[in-house]
């Protein structure tokens, strides 16, 4: 009986860049998981000290390693950033997966869903890390000392509405609203979108407007994980915005205490919506 429990609690953490994989690893272990860490070459943080390092595209290698250890569950966490073709060099195992993904290029979400299906066809289960480590997300409600004012209500409502419309069309998940939409995320990602907003508002006096990063309708959170961190708060401060809106229980928060402390210091509110 104990053997079956141990097998069920084995998981491979496939780690990209930045600090989120470290936080996920530690939270999973605290929650009783036997975590086998796979670092993606050229992307993972050296602080992670992974059990093995595998280049992007060597799916067959880590599939064999997991089967040897009787690990059937995996979670993908961490940024990959800019990917060079030389980093990929897919092996035959990965090519068979990528061919199926290439046939479903209707948008990022459809490709992600196909990727998961192809991995699971090969005997693995992909888990949503935020479901296994919910302490790395926000519960519903206002997270900061600063509360939104009445004047923020219209911006908050509009930002959530626009973010959901964009997400439904598989465009992006982040938007900035200050009475009108002044920034939307596209292929460049959230950080560069916020850089554009900052450049537009360098001469602005005072603060107003909000940033929303919402889960897209139908978004598969097992590999497409929204996240915010202290850098997000600093960008919102530089953009002279009043607040941040994210989804509760689905958006990872990189170092939650530090994020809340930074927001409090900058007088920025954070709201986690259902």
Protein backbone atom coordinates (compact mmCIF):
# COMPACT_ATOMS: atom_id res chain seq x y z
CA UNK A 1 0.00 0.00 0.00
CA UNK A 2 2.79 2.44 0.89
CA UNK A 3 4.51 1.67 -2.40
CA UNK A 4 1.46 2.84 -4.37
CA UNK A 5 1.22 6.04 -2.35
CA UNK A 6 4.89 6.81 -3.02
CA UNK A 7 4.45 6.22 -6.74
CA UNK A 8 1.41 8.52 -6.82
CA UNK A 9 3.38 11.27 -5.10
CA UNK A 10 6.31 11.20 -7.53
CA UNK A 11 6.53 14.15 -9.90
CA UNK A 12 8.99 15.53 -12.42
CA UNK A 13 9.38 19.30 -12.36
CA UNK A 14 10.47 20.46 -15.81
CA UNK A 15 12.15 23.77 -15.05
CA UNK A 16 12.63 26.81 -17.24
CA UNK A 17 14.19 30.08 -16.12
CA UNK A 18 13.87 32.52 -13.24
CA UNK A 19 12.98 31.71 -9.63
CA UNK A 20 9.50 30.25 -9.98
CA UNK A 21 10.77 26.66 -10.43
CA UNK A 22 12.69 26.94 -7.13
CA UNK A 23 9.56 28.08 -5.31
CA UNK A 24 7.47 25.37 -6.97
CA UNK A 25 10.02 22.69 -6.11
CA UNK A 26 10.13 23.68 -2.45
CA UNK A 27 6.33 23.99 -2.18
CA UNK A 28 5.77 20.60 -3.80
CA UNK A 29 8.25 18.94 -1.45
CA UNK A 30 6.61 20.64 1.53
CA UNK A 31 3.30 19.21 0.33
CA UNK A 32 4.68 15.68 0.32
CA UNK A 33 5.76 15.25 -3.29
CA UNK A 34 8.92 13.37 -4.24
CA UNK A 35 10.22 15.90 -6.78
CA UNK A 36 12.65 14.95 -9.57
CA UNK A 37 13.93 18.19 -11.11
CA UNK A 38 14.75 18.43 -14.82
CA UNK A 39 16.56 21.61 -15.80
CA UNK A 40 16.17 22.83 -19.37
CA UNK A 41 19.66 23.53 -20.65
CA UNK A 42 20.48 27.24 -21.17
CA UNK A 43 17.33 28.29 -19.30
CA UNK A 44 17.19 26.96 -15.72
CA UNK A 45 18.61 28.93 -12.80
CA UNK A 46 21.93 27.58 -11.44
CA UNK A 47 20.41 27.94 -7.96
CA UNK A 48 18.00 25.13 -8.83
CA UNK A 49 20.63 22.35 -8.76
CA UNK A 50 18.50 19.99 -10.93
CA UNK A 51 18.75 16.21 -10.81
CA UNK A 52 19.43 16.14 -14.55
CA UNK A 53 19.85 18.73 -17.29
CA UNK A 54 18.23 18.13 -20.69
CA UNK A 55 18.44 20.30 -23.77
CA UNK A 56 15.21 21.63 -25.22
CA UNK A 57 14.00 19.10 -27.77
CA UNK A 58 15.46 16.02 -26.05
CA UNK A 59 12.07 14.73 -24.98
CA UNK A 60 13.11 11.14 -25.47
CA UNK A 61 15.90 11.53 -22.92
CA UNK A 62 13.74 12.74 -20.09
CA UNK A 63 10.94 10.31 -21.01
CA UNK A 64 13.39 7.43 -20.52
CA UNK A 65 14.66 8.93 -17.25
CA UNK A 66 11.12 9.23 -15.89
CA UNK A 67 10.17 5.70 -16.87
CA UNK A 68 13.30 4.35 -15.16
CA UNK A 69 12.16 6.06 -11.96
CA UNK A 70 8.49 5.13 -12.40
CA UNK A 71 7.48 8.81 -12.55
CA UNK A 72 4.24 9.32 -14.43
CA UNK A 73 3.35 12.89 -13.44
CA UNK A 74 5.15 16.03 -14.57
CA UNK A 75 4.71 19.77 -14.17
CA UNK A 76 6.16 22.53 -16.36
CA UNK A 77 7.25 25.70 -14.55
CA UNK A 78 9.47 28.62 -15.53
CA UNK A 79 10.13 30.94 -18.44
CA UNK A 80 11.90 29.92 -21.63
CA UNK A 81 12.33 33.42 -23.02
CA UNK A 82 13.94 33.73 -26.44
CA UNK A 83 14.43 30.30 -28.01
CA UNK A 84 17.10 29.74 -30.65
CA UNK A 85 16.59 26.97 -33.18
CA UNK A 86 20.01 25.63 -32.18
CA UNK A 87 18.63 25.10 -28.65
CA UNK A 88 15.93 22.75 -29.88
CA UNK A 89 17.44 20.06 -32.16
CA UNK A 90 14.49 17.73 -31.52
CA UNK A 91 15.09 14.00 -31.18
CA UNK A 92 12.71 11.49 -32.80
CA UNK A 93 10.48 11.41 -29.71
CA UNK A 94 10.11 15.20 -29.77
CA UNK A 95 9.67 15.34 -33.55
CA UNK A 96 6.63 13.07 -33.33
CA UNK A 97 5.11 15.41 -30.73
CA UNK A 98 5.98 18.59 -32.64
CA UNK A 99 4.48 17.30 -35.88
CA UNK A 100 1.11 16.94 -34.18
CA UNK A 101 1.46 20.38 -32.59
CA UNK A 102 2.33 21.93 -35.98
CA UNK A 103 -0.95 20.66 -37.39
CA UNK A 104 -2.85 22.71 -34.79
CA UNK A 105 -1.45 26.19 -35.33
CA UNK A 106 -4.75 27.97 -34.76
CA UNK A 107 -3.24 29.87 -31.87
CA UNK A 108 -1.11 29.36 -28.79
CA UNK A 109 -3.90 27.75 -26.75
CA UNK A 110 -4.74 25.11 -29.35
CA UNK A 111 -1.06 24.24 -29.76
CA UNK A 112 -0.60 23.97 -26.00
CA UNK A 113 -3.61 21.66 -25.72
CA UNK A 114 -2.28 19.45 -28.50
CA UNK A 115 1.16 19.34 -26.87
CA UNK A 116 -0.38 18.10 -23.61
CA UNK A 117 -2.48 15.47 -25.39
CA UNK A 118 0.56 14.15 -27.22
CA UNK A 119 2.60 13.90 -24.01
CA UNK A 120 -0.24 12.13 -22.21
CA UNK A 121 -0.67 9.68 -25.10
CA UNK A 122 2.83 8.52 -24.24
CA UNK A 123 1.89 7.49 -20.73
CA UNK A 124 2.47 10.66 -18.71
CA UNK A 125 0.14 13.01 -16.87
CA UNK A 126 0.78 16.76 -16.88
CA UNK A 127 -0.36 18.49 -13.70
CA UNK A 128 -1.08 22.16 -13.05
CA UNK A 129 1.58 23.21 -10.56
CA UNK A 130 -0.64 25.89 -9.05
CA UNK A 131 -3.22 23.25 -8.11
CA UNK A 132 -0.55 21.19 -6.33
CA UNK A 133 0.97 24.26 -4.63
CA UNK A 134 -1.91 26.73 -4.16
CA UNK A 135 0.08 28.66 -1.57
CA UNK A 136 2.01 30.18 -4.48
CA UNK A 137 -1.15 31.93 -5.67
CA UNK A 138 -3.49 34.54 -4.19
CA UNK A 139 -6.79 33.74 -2.55
CA UNK A 140 -9.77 35.85 -3.63
CA UNK A 141 -9.73 39.44 -2.43
CA UNK A 142 -7.63 42.56 -1.93
CA UNK A 143 -4.06 41.60 -1.03
CA UNK A 144 -2.59 44.98 -0.08
CA UNK A 145 -2.97 47.78 2.42
CA UNK A 146 -4.05 50.11 -0.36
CA UNK A 147 -7.63 49.58 -1.47
CA UNK A 148 -9.07 50.63 -4.83
CA UNK A 149 -11.04 53.87 -4.74
CA UNK A 150 -14.38 54.57 -6.40
CA UNK A 151 -12.56 56.30 -9.25
CA UNK A 152 -10.71 53.02 -9.97
CA UNK A 153 -13.90 50.95 -10.34
CA UNK A 154 -14.57 51.77 -14.01
CA UNK A 155 -10.95 51.07 -15.00
CA UNK A 156 -10.97 47.75 -13.13
CA UNK A 157 -14.21 46.65 -14.79
CA UNK A 158 -13.00 47.66 -18.25
CA UNK A 159 -9.58 46.03 -17.82
CA UNK A 160 -11.14 42.69 -16.81
CA UNK A 161 -13.62 42.88 -19.68
CA UNK A 162 -10.98 43.66 -22.32
CA UNK A 163 -8.56 41.07 -20.94
CA UNK A 164 -11.22 38.37 -21.25
CA UNK A 165 -12.10 39.41 -24.80
CA UNK A 166 -8.44 39.31 -25.80
CA UNK A 167 -8.01 35.96 -24.11
CA UNK A 168 -11.01 34.49 -25.87
CA UNK A 169 -9.40 35.41 -29.20
CA UNK A 170 -6.06 33.93 -28.01
CA UNK A 171 -4.28 37.28 -28.41
CA UNK A 172 -2.86 37.85 -24.95
CA UNK A 173 -3.94 38.08 -21.34
CA UNK A 174 -2.67 41.46 -20.12
CA UNK A 175 -4.10 44.92 -20.61
CA UNK A 176 -3.62 48.44 -19.23
CA UNK A 177 -6.61 50.75 -18.90
CA UNK A 178 -6.69 54.39 -17.88
CA UNK A 179 -10.20 55.50 -18.86
CA UNK A 180 -9.35 53.96 -22.23
CA UNK A 181 -7.23 50.99 -23.28
CA UNK A 182 -3.63 52.22 -23.52
CA UNK A 183 -1.78 48.91 -23.73
CA UNK A 184 -2.50 45.33 -24.75
CA UNK A 185 -0.23 42.32 -24.67
CA UNK A 186 0.54 40.59 -27.95
CA UNK A 187 3.37 38.28 -29.01
CA UNK A 188 6.02 40.42 -27.28
CA UNK A 189 4.81 39.41 -23.80
CA UNK A 190 3.74 41.28 -20.69
CA UNK A 191 7.08 42.87 -19.76
CA UNK A 192 7.62 44.54 -23.12
CA UNK A 193 4.01 45.68 -23.25
CA UNK A 194 4.51 47.40 -19.90
CA UNK A 195 7.74 48.96 -21.19
CA UNK A 196 5.70 50.57 -23.97
CA UNK A 197 3.20 51.92 -21.46
CA UNK A 198 6.01 53.30 -19.28
CA UNK A 199 7.51 55.13 -22.26
CA UNK A 200 4.12 56.69 -23.01
CA UNK A 201 3.65 57.99 -19.47
CA UNK A 202 7.07 59.33 -18.48
CA UNK A 203 5.77 62.90 -18.30
CA UNK A 204 2.49 62.01 -16.61
CA UNK A 205 1.79 63.67 -13.27
CA UNK A 206 0.17 61.61 -10.56
CA UNK A 207 -1.14 58.05 -10.91
CA UNK A 208 -4.24 56.55 -12.48
CA UNK A 209 -5.31 53.44 -14.33
CA UNK A 210 -4.82 49.72 -13.76
CA UNK A 211 -3.05 46.66 -15.13
CA UNK A 212 -4.92 43.36 -15.47
CA UNK A 213 -3.41 39.95 -16.15
CA UNK A 214 -6.31 37.52 -16.38
CA UNK A 215 -6.59 33.85 -17.22
CA UNK A 216 -7.79 33.37 -20.78
CA UNK A 217 -11.09 31.48 -21.27
CA UNK A 218 -10.12 27.89 -22.01
CA UNK A 219 -6.47 28.51 -21.13
CA UNK A 220 -4.67 25.30 -20.19
CA UNK A 221 -2.85 26.22 -17.01
CA UNK A 222 -0.76 23.06 -16.99
CA UNK A 223 1.90 24.59 -19.22
CA UNK A 224 0.72 28.17 -19.81
CA UNK A 225 1.15 29.64 -16.34
CA UNK A 226 0.47 33.34 -15.75
CA UNK A 227 2.71 34.88 -13.12
CA UNK A 228 3.59 38.18 -11.50
CA UNK A 229 6.52 39.18 -9.33
CA UNK A 230 8.26 42.15 -7.77
CA UNK A 231 9.39 43.18 -11.25
CA UNK A 232 5.72 43.46 -12.24
CA UNK A 233 5.02 45.75 -9.29
CA UNK A 234 8.03 47.92 -10.17
CA UNK A 235 6.82 48.20 -13.77
CA UNK A 236 3.34 49.22 -12.59
CA UNK A 237 4.91 51.87 -10.37
CA UNK A 238 7.05 53.16 -13.27
CA UNK A 239 3.94 53.25 -15.48
CA UNK A 240 2.22 55.42 -12.82
CA UNK A 241 -0.70 53.02 -12.46
CA UNK A 242 -2.80 52.53 -9.34
CA UNK A 243 -3.27 48.79 -9.24
CA UNK A 244 -2.95 45.22 -10.43
CA UNK A 245 -5.74 42.71 -11.05
CA UNK A 246 -5.08 38.99 -11.42
CA UNK A 247 -7.06 35.78 -11.08
CA UNK A 248 -7.10 34.05 -7.72
CA UNK A 249 -5.73 30.50 -7.54
CA UNK A 250 -4.42 30.47 -11.13
CA UNK A 251 -1.80 33.23 -11.32
CA UNK A 252 1.53 32.31 -9.72
CA UNK A 253 3.04 34.95 -7.44
CA UNK A 254 6.83 34.84 -7.40
CA UNK A 255 7.75 35.45 -3.74
CA UNK A 256 4.33 36.48 -2.45
CA UNK A 257 5.54 38.32 0.70
CA UNK A 258 8.00 40.38 -1.36
CA UNK A 259 5.35 41.20 -3.97
CA UNK A 260 2.88 42.40 -1.33
CA UNK A 261 5.58 44.38 0.49
CA UNK A 262 6.69 46.07 -2.75
CA UNK A 263 3.09 46.94 -3.64
CA UNK A 264 2.46 48.36 -0.16
CA UNK A 265 5.61 50.47 -0.36
CA UNK A 266 4.64 51.77 -3.82
CA UNK A 267 1.03 52.39 -2.73
CA UNK A 268 -0.31 50.02 -5.39
CA UNK A 269 -3.33 47.79 -4.80
CA UNK A 270 -3.49 44.15 -5.86
CA UNK A 271 -6.84 42.43 -6.34
CA UNK A 272 -7.31 38.71 -6.95
CA UNK A 273 -10.58 38.02 -8.77
CA UNK A 274 -12.44 34.72 -9.09
